[in-house]
Protein backbone atom coordinates (compact mmCIF):
# COMPACT_ATOMS: atom_id res chain seq x y z
CA MET A 1 -114.52 -28.17 -93.34
CA SER A 2 -112.81 -31.57 -92.72
CA THR A 3 -109.61 -31.80 -90.69
CA LYS A 4 -108.11 -34.79 -92.29
CA PRO A 5 -104.61 -34.94 -93.65
CA PRO A 6 -104.29 -32.81 -96.84
CA ALA A 7 -104.40 -34.28 -100.25
CA THR A 8 -101.64 -33.75 -102.93
CA GLY A 9 -101.94 -30.56 -104.53
CA VAL A 10 -102.71 -28.31 -101.35
CA ALA A 11 -100.28 -26.96 -98.89
CA ALA A 12 -100.14 -28.43 -95.37
CA ASP A 13 -99.89 -25.29 -93.33
CA ILE A 14 -101.97 -22.92 -95.24
CA PRO A 15 -105.62 -22.56 -94.50
CA LEU A 16 -108.11 -23.93 -97.02
CA GLU A 17 -109.50 -20.66 -97.49
CA GLU A 18 -106.51 -19.10 -98.33
CA GLN A 19 -105.93 -21.68 -101.03
CA LEU A 20 -109.41 -21.17 -102.41
CA ASP A 21 -108.23 -18.05 -103.17
CA TRP A 22 -105.55 -19.43 -104.88
CA LEU A 23 -107.79 -21.52 -106.89
CA ARG A 24 -109.61 -18.16 -107.72
CA SER A 25 -106.20 -16.38 -108.80
CA MET A 26 -105.67 -19.39 -111.31
CA GLN A 27 -108.86 -19.62 -112.70
CA GLU A 28 -108.93 -15.87 -113.47
CA ILE A 29 -105.51 -16.10 -115.09
CA ARG A 30 -106.73 -18.98 -117.38
CA PHE A 31 -109.89 -17.04 -118.28
CA PHE A 32 -107.45 -13.98 -119.03
CA GLU A 33 -105.22 -16.08 -121.37
CA GLU A 34 -108.05 -17.66 -123.22
CA GLU A 35 -109.79 -14.22 -123.81
CA CYS A 36 -105.97 -12.77 -125.10
CA HIS A 37 -106.13 -15.70 -127.46
CA ARG A 38 -109.34 -14.81 -128.79
CA LEU A 39 -108.13 -11.14 -129.03
CA PHE A 40 -105.24 -11.95 -131.09
CA ALA A 41 -107.14 -14.05 -133.47
CA ARG A 42 -109.21 -10.85 -134.04
CA GLY A 43 -106.30 -8.65 -134.69
CA LEU A 44 -106.52 -6.59 -131.42
CA VAL A 45 -103.24 -7.55 -130.24
CA ARG A 46 -100.21 -5.94 -131.78
CA GLY A 47 -97.28 -8.07 -132.36
CA SER A 48 -97.36 -11.37 -130.98
CA THR A 49 -98.39 -12.71 -127.47
CA HIS A 50 -97.29 -15.87 -125.50
CA LEU A 51 -99.74 -17.43 -123.33
CA ALA A 52 -99.10 -19.82 -120.31
CA GLN A 53 -102.21 -21.87 -119.84
CA GLY A 54 -101.06 -25.09 -117.79
CA GLN A 55 -98.47 -23.12 -115.99
CA GLU A 56 -100.49 -21.22 -113.37
CA ALA A 57 -99.65 -23.21 -110.19
CA VAL A 58 -96.08 -22.02 -110.60
CA ASN A 59 -96.75 -18.57 -110.93
CA VAL A 60 -99.46 -18.16 -108.20
CA GLY A 61 -97.79 -20.61 -105.89
CA ALA A 62 -94.64 -18.84 -105.94
CA CYS A 63 -95.95 -15.49 -105.96
CA ARG A 64 -98.26 -16.13 -102.71
CA ALA A 65 -94.97 -16.78 -101.02
CA LEU A 66 -94.04 -13.38 -101.52
CA ARG A 67 -94.81 -9.82 -99.79
CA VAL A 68 -96.46 -7.16 -101.95
CA THR A 69 -93.18 -5.21 -101.26
CA ASP A 70 -91.16 -8.03 -102.73
CA THR A 71 -90.14 -7.98 -106.28
CA MET A 72 -90.57 -10.32 -109.27
CA ALA A 73 -89.21 -10.27 -112.73
CA CYS A 74 -90.43 -12.63 -115.43
CA THR A 75 -90.16 -13.47 -119.16
CA TYR A 76 -92.38 -12.42 -122.30
CA ARG A 77 -94.66 -15.28 -121.15
CA GLY A 78 -95.47 -13.43 -118.43
CA HIS A 79 -99.21 -12.44 -118.09
CA ALA A 80 -99.69 -14.96 -115.52
CA ALA A 81 -96.62 -14.09 -113.37
CA VAL A 82 -97.64 -10.38 -113.22
CA LEU A 83 -101.55 -11.27 -112.46
CA ALA A 84 -100.29 -13.41 -109.81
CA LYS A 85 -98.24 -10.68 -108.17
CA GLY A 86 -101.38 -8.58 -107.82
CA ALA A 87 -101.57 -6.33 -111.29
CA PRO A 88 -105.22 -5.73 -112.11
CA LEU A 89 -106.99 -7.68 -114.46
CA ASP A 90 -108.31 -4.67 -116.55
CA ARG A 91 -105.27 -2.77 -116.61
CA ALA A 92 -103.19 -5.84 -117.86
CA PHE A 93 -105.81 -5.96 -120.63
CA GLY A 94 -105.43 -2.55 -121.59
CA GLU A 95 -101.80 -2.90 -121.95
CA ILE A 96 -101.97 -5.74 -124.04
CA LEU A 97 -104.71 -3.94 -126.16
CA GLY A 98 -102.60 -0.52 -126.28
CA LYS A 99 -104.89 1.42 -124.35
CA ALA A 100 -103.94 4.75 -122.46
CA GLU A 101 -105.24 3.06 -119.04
CA GLY A 102 -103.07 -0.08 -119.70
CA LEU A 103 -100.21 -0.83 -117.22
CA CYS A 104 -97.64 0.91 -119.20
CA GLY A 105 -99.88 3.55 -120.87
CA GLY A 106 -100.20 1.03 -123.63
CA LYS A 107 -96.71 1.37 -124.97
CA GLY A 108 -95.23 -1.86 -123.70
CA GLY A 109 -97.91 -4.35 -124.82
CA SER A 110 -98.17 -8.07 -124.06
CA MET A 111 -94.30 -8.86 -123.62
CA HIS A 112 -93.47 -5.98 -121.53
CA LEU A 113 -96.21 -5.92 -118.75
CA THR A 114 -94.82 -4.05 -115.68
CA ASP A 115 -96.76 -2.80 -112.27
CA MET A 116 -94.19 -1.37 -109.95
CA SER A 117 -97.03 -0.71 -107.28
CA VAL A 118 -97.18 -4.59 -106.77
CA GLY A 119 -93.35 -5.22 -107.35
CA ALA A 120 -93.69 -6.62 -110.81
CA ILE A 121 -90.54 -4.92 -112.02
CA GLY A 122 -91.01 -6.10 -115.59
CA SER A 123 -91.69 -8.72 -118.22
CA PHE A 124 -88.59 -8.93 -120.46
CA ALA A 125 -88.66 -10.17 -124.10
CA ILE A 126 -84.87 -10.88 -124.69
CA ILE A 127 -84.15 -14.34 -123.16
CA GLY A 128 -82.45 -14.24 -119.92
CA ALA A 129 -81.63 -10.56 -119.91
CA HIS A 130 -83.81 -10.17 -116.63
CA LEU A 131 -81.48 -12.46 -114.40
CA PRO A 132 -79.08 -9.94 -113.74
CA ILE A 133 -81.44 -7.16 -113.50
CA VAL A 134 -83.01 -8.84 -110.62
CA LEU A 135 -79.47 -8.86 -109.19
CA GLY A 136 -79.86 -5.11 -109.14
CA THR A 137 -83.35 -4.98 -107.02
CA ALA A 138 -81.89 -7.92 -104.62
CA LEU A 139 -78.49 -5.87 -104.10
CA THR A 140 -80.57 -2.95 -103.13
CA GLU A 141 -82.31 -4.84 -100.56
CA GLN A 142 -79.17 -5.86 -98.92
CA TYR A 143 -77.35 -2.77 -99.19
CA GLU A 144 -80.16 -0.68 -97.69
CA GLY A 145 -80.36 -3.40 -94.84
CA ARG A 146 -83.91 -4.30 -95.55
CA ASP A 147 -85.29 -7.77 -95.59
CA GLY A 148 -87.03 -7.60 -99.34
CA VAL A 149 -86.62 -10.72 -101.67
CA SER A 150 -86.52 -10.62 -105.69
CA LEU A 151 -87.96 -13.64 -107.58
CA CYS A 152 -87.06 -14.26 -110.88
CA PHE A 153 -89.23 -16.64 -113.23
CA PHE A 154 -87.62 -17.65 -116.55
CA GLY A 155 -87.73 -20.80 -118.92
CA ASP A 156 -85.57 -23.80 -119.37
CA GLY A 157 -84.18 -22.06 -122.55
CA SER A 158 -82.36 -19.09 -120.36
CA THR A 159 -80.39 -21.86 -118.51
CA ASN A 160 -77.90 -22.01 -121.65
CA ILE A 161 -77.77 -18.28 -121.58
CA GLY A 162 -74.71 -16.57 -120.48
CA ALA A 163 -76.45 -14.33 -118.24
CA PHE A 164 -77.87 -17.06 -116.38
CA HIS A 165 -74.71 -18.13 -115.15
CA GLU A 166 -73.10 -14.98 -114.52
CA ALA A 167 -76.22 -13.85 -112.48
CA LEU A 168 -76.39 -17.25 -110.41
CA ASN A 169 -72.57 -16.75 -109.83
CA MET A 170 -72.78 -13.25 -108.60
CA ALA A 171 -75.97 -13.82 -106.59
CA SER A 172 -74.26 -16.63 -104.58
CA ILE A 173 -70.83 -14.84 -104.09
CA TRP A 174 -72.82 -11.89 -102.46
CA LYS A 175 -75.43 -13.98 -100.99
CA LEU A 176 -78.24 -12.05 -102.48
CA PRO A 177 -81.82 -12.14 -101.67
CA VAL A 178 -82.87 -13.79 -104.71
CA VAL A 179 -85.19 -16.94 -105.79
CA TYR A 180 -84.61 -18.20 -109.34
CA VAL A 181 -87.44 -20.05 -110.51
CA CYS A 182 -86.97 -22.06 -113.78
CA GLU A 183 -90.37 -22.87 -115.52
CA ASN A 184 -89.30 -26.07 -117.35
CA ASN A 185 -92.25 -26.59 -119.75
CA LEU A 186 -89.94 -28.99 -122.02
CA TYR A 187 -89.41 -26.56 -124.75
CA GLY A 188 -87.04 -23.79 -125.53
CA GLU A 189 -89.27 -22.09 -128.17
CA TYR A 190 -89.78 -25.12 -130.49
CA SER A 191 -86.77 -27.19 -129.48
CA PRO A 192 -87.09 -30.06 -126.85
CA LEU A 193 -85.12 -29.65 -124.07
CA ALA A 194 -82.78 -32.76 -124.70
CA THR A 195 -81.76 -31.43 -127.88
CA THR A 196 -80.20 -28.30 -126.32
CA THR A 197 -79.10 -29.41 -122.86
CA PRO A 198 -76.89 -31.94 -121.91
CA ILE A 199 -78.38 -32.82 -118.31
CA GLU A 200 -81.76 -34.05 -117.39
CA ARG A 201 -82.45 -31.87 -114.25
CA LEU A 202 -81.46 -28.15 -114.58
CA ALA A 203 -81.60 -27.83 -111.18
CA ASP A 204 -78.50 -29.59 -110.88
CA ARG A 205 -76.52 -26.44 -112.16
CA ALA A 206 -77.26 -24.93 -108.94
CA ALA A 207 -74.52 -26.95 -107.47
CA SER A 208 -71.73 -25.13 -109.70
CA TYR A 209 -72.54 -21.87 -107.63
CA GLY A 210 -72.71 -23.16 -104.20
CA MET A 211 -76.49 -23.03 -104.15
CA PRO A 212 -79.26 -25.32 -103.26
CA GLY A 213 -81.20 -26.53 -106.27
CA VAL A 214 -84.35 -28.78 -106.28
CA THR A 215 -86.67 -29.94 -109.12
CA ILE A 216 -90.25 -30.00 -108.02
CA ASP A 217 -93.61 -30.91 -109.52
CA GLY A 218 -94.68 -27.58 -111.10
CA ASN A 219 -98.23 -28.53 -111.42
CA ASP A 220 -98.96 -28.96 -107.82
CA ILE A 221 -99.49 -25.59 -106.26
CA GLY A 222 -99.05 -26.86 -102.76
CA VAL A 223 -95.81 -28.29 -103.56
CA VAL A 224 -94.82 -25.22 -105.66
CA HIS A 225 -95.97 -22.56 -102.67
CA GLU A 226 -94.26 -24.65 -99.89
CA THR A 227 -90.91 -24.95 -102.02
CA ILE A 228 -90.70 -21.21 -102.90
CA ALA A 229 -91.94 -20.22 -99.22
CA SER A 230 -88.76 -22.09 -97.86
CA ALA A 231 -86.40 -20.45 -100.17
CA VAL A 232 -87.71 -17.04 -99.94
CA ALA A 233 -87.56 -17.34 -96.17
CA ARG A 234 -83.71 -18.32 -96.72
CA ALA A 235 -83.06 -15.39 -99.00
CA ARG A 236 -84.71 -13.14 -96.24
CA ALA A 237 -82.77 -14.54 -93.47
CA GLY A 238 -79.33 -13.43 -95.42
CA GLU A 239 -78.47 -17.04 -96.66
CA GLY A 240 -78.40 -16.39 -100.35
CA PRO A 241 -80.29 -17.56 -103.38
CA THR A 242 -82.12 -20.79 -104.15
CA LEU A 243 -82.39 -22.20 -107.69
CA VAL A 244 -85.89 -24.01 -108.13
CA GLU A 245 -86.65 -25.88 -111.43
CA ALA A 246 -90.55 -26.48 -111.63
CA LEU A 247 -91.57 -29.21 -114.00
CA THR A 248 -94.74 -27.87 -116.12
CA TYR A 249 -96.31 -27.70 -119.44
CA ARG A 250 -97.79 -25.08 -121.73
CA HIS A 251 -101.00 -26.11 -123.26
CA LYS A 252 -100.59 -24.01 -126.38
CA GLY A 253 -97.56 -23.34 -128.55
CA HIS A 254 -94.95 -21.23 -128.29
CA SER A 255 -96.83 -18.04 -129.54
CA ARG A 256 -100.06 -17.49 -131.42
CA SER A 257 -98.33 -18.30 -134.88
CA ASP A 258 -96.98 -21.78 -133.30
CA PRO A 259 -99.43 -24.85 -133.95
CA ALA A 260 -97.13 -26.81 -131.78
CA ALA A 261 -96.91 -29.73 -134.67
CA TYR A 262 -93.63 -30.75 -133.04
CA ARG A 263 -95.00 -32.34 -130.00
CA PRO A 264 -94.96 -36.02 -129.94
CA GLU A 265 -98.43 -37.64 -130.16
CA GLY A 266 -100.30 -37.63 -126.81
CA GLU A 267 -97.89 -35.85 -124.91
CA LEU A 268 -100.36 -33.19 -124.77
CA GLU A 269 -103.15 -35.33 -123.54
CA ALA A 270 -101.09 -36.67 -120.70
CA TRP A 271 -100.31 -33.28 -119.45
CA MET A 272 -103.94 -32.19 -119.74
CA GLU A 273 -104.59 -34.84 -117.10
CA ARG A 274 -102.23 -33.10 -114.77
CA ASP A 275 -104.08 -29.78 -115.50
CA PRO A 276 -102.87 -27.57 -112.27
CA ILE A 277 -106.26 -26.18 -112.00
CA VAL A 278 -108.24 -29.57 -111.95
CA LEU A 279 -105.70 -30.93 -109.49
CA HIS A 280 -105.90 -28.06 -107.16
CA GLU A 281 -109.90 -28.27 -107.06
CA ARG A 282 -109.94 -31.92 -106.67
CA ALA A 283 -107.28 -31.70 -103.63
CA LEU A 284 -109.40 -29.33 -102.17
CA ILE A 285 -112.63 -31.11 -102.48
CA GLU A 286 -110.66 -34.15 -101.04
CA ALA A 287 -109.64 -31.87 -98.14
CA GLY A 288 -113.17 -31.12 -97.13
CA VAL A 289 -114.28 -28.32 -99.46
CA GLU A 290 -117.41 -28.49 -101.00
CA GLN A 291 -117.67 -28.68 -105.07
CA SER A 292 -120.11 -26.10 -105.05
CA ARG A 293 -117.64 -23.32 -103.71
CA CYS A 294 -115.18 -24.41 -106.44
CA GLU A 295 -117.83 -24.02 -108.96
CA ALA A 296 -118.81 -20.67 -107.49
CA ILE A 297 -115.12 -19.54 -107.72
CA ARG A 298 -114.79 -20.62 -111.42
CA THR A 299 -118.04 -18.82 -112.11
CA GLN A 300 -117.17 -15.62 -110.54
CA ALA A 301 -113.51 -15.71 -111.93
CA GLU A 302 -115.11 -15.98 -115.25
CA ALA A 303 -117.55 -13.06 -114.81
CA ASP A 304 -114.54 -10.94 -113.46
CA VAL A 305 -112.36 -11.59 -116.30
CA THR A 306 -115.25 -10.60 -118.53
CA ALA A 307 -115.96 -7.42 -116.72
CA ALA A 308 -112.48 -6.31 -116.89
CA LEU A 309 -112.17 -6.96 -120.67
CA GLU A 310 -115.21 -4.83 -121.13
CA ARG A 311 -113.46 -1.97 -119.12
CA ALA A 312 -110.42 -2.13 -121.30
CA MET A 313 -111.98 -2.23 -124.52
CA SER A 314 -113.77 1.10 -123.70
CA TRP A 315 -110.54 2.96 -122.70
CA ALA A 316 -108.94 5.45 -125.34
CA GLU A 317 -105.86 4.94 -127.20
CA PRO A 318 -102.91 6.93 -126.13
CA SER A 319 -102.63 10.43 -127.27
CA PRO A 320 -100.24 11.17 -130.28
CA GLU A 321 -98.39 13.48 -127.43
CA SER A 322 -97.66 10.77 -124.92
CA ARG A 323 -95.20 9.04 -127.48
CA LEU A 324 -92.88 11.83 -126.24
CA GLU A 325 -93.25 11.02 -122.50
CA HIS A 326 -90.97 8.57 -120.94
CA VAL A 327 -88.11 8.78 -123.38
CA PHE A 328 -84.57 9.27 -122.15
CA ALA A 329 -82.03 10.77 -124.34
């Protein structure tokens, strides 16, 4: 492989072999989400489902800056984040399909993916609800004298929720080991950000809570990883939280019932030209990786997702008795 300076879209201090694995993860997530779209169209997904095609670099770049023992919480648009943290493809499919072998026994569904074995403490359907919950995981690490870090993904709409301000305030006062990552995809459900928020850069709100705030290109996985890795190191050293605003874009509507007709003409096409997977693959090739390797990774990722879905489809439904398990009175 070439030793020339890295191109935009790759991380300068990470081996290219490792970054090829980032490409694999993003490809798997993209194929996973596409299958979820098809499953929903076939009526096999109960309730709704919220996909994140186009935002993969934020989730993979950030989660690859964590240890397996670190924790992560995310929103209802959480498939990508949970998979990026290490949850298995088949059991994630199983949960979305309501199978007994799913991550939560088929009881949580698309908006509540959880895998404690890899530190994915939950996807949360209530806007902003998980920001204060992450305070608890971070406080536990601090109280127990460990050096674990909690990462919290949320959307731009959450920055107008009271829980956002309360959580950032408390995290800063106690210098908790938290990294807040705002996936700013320009829309809060169906509303353009400018119609709900009086500032252009959401990261500016960090100053109110005495923590660093930075806005980055969320479609450049190299930039995402380097930024989050720095924030994680700061948190792990006991220096407190950081707010990172990652500018990105969802290719699909808010949910599967949303055709996204509110988007201005040409906006989607402009963002599609900055598809994070395409950008990363192009950057890897410019850095010396053979195109055939990238193509092989794509082919294998698609095959792995297909095989995972086939396994999940073969699993049984939860037993009637299981409805009484994990119920607290």
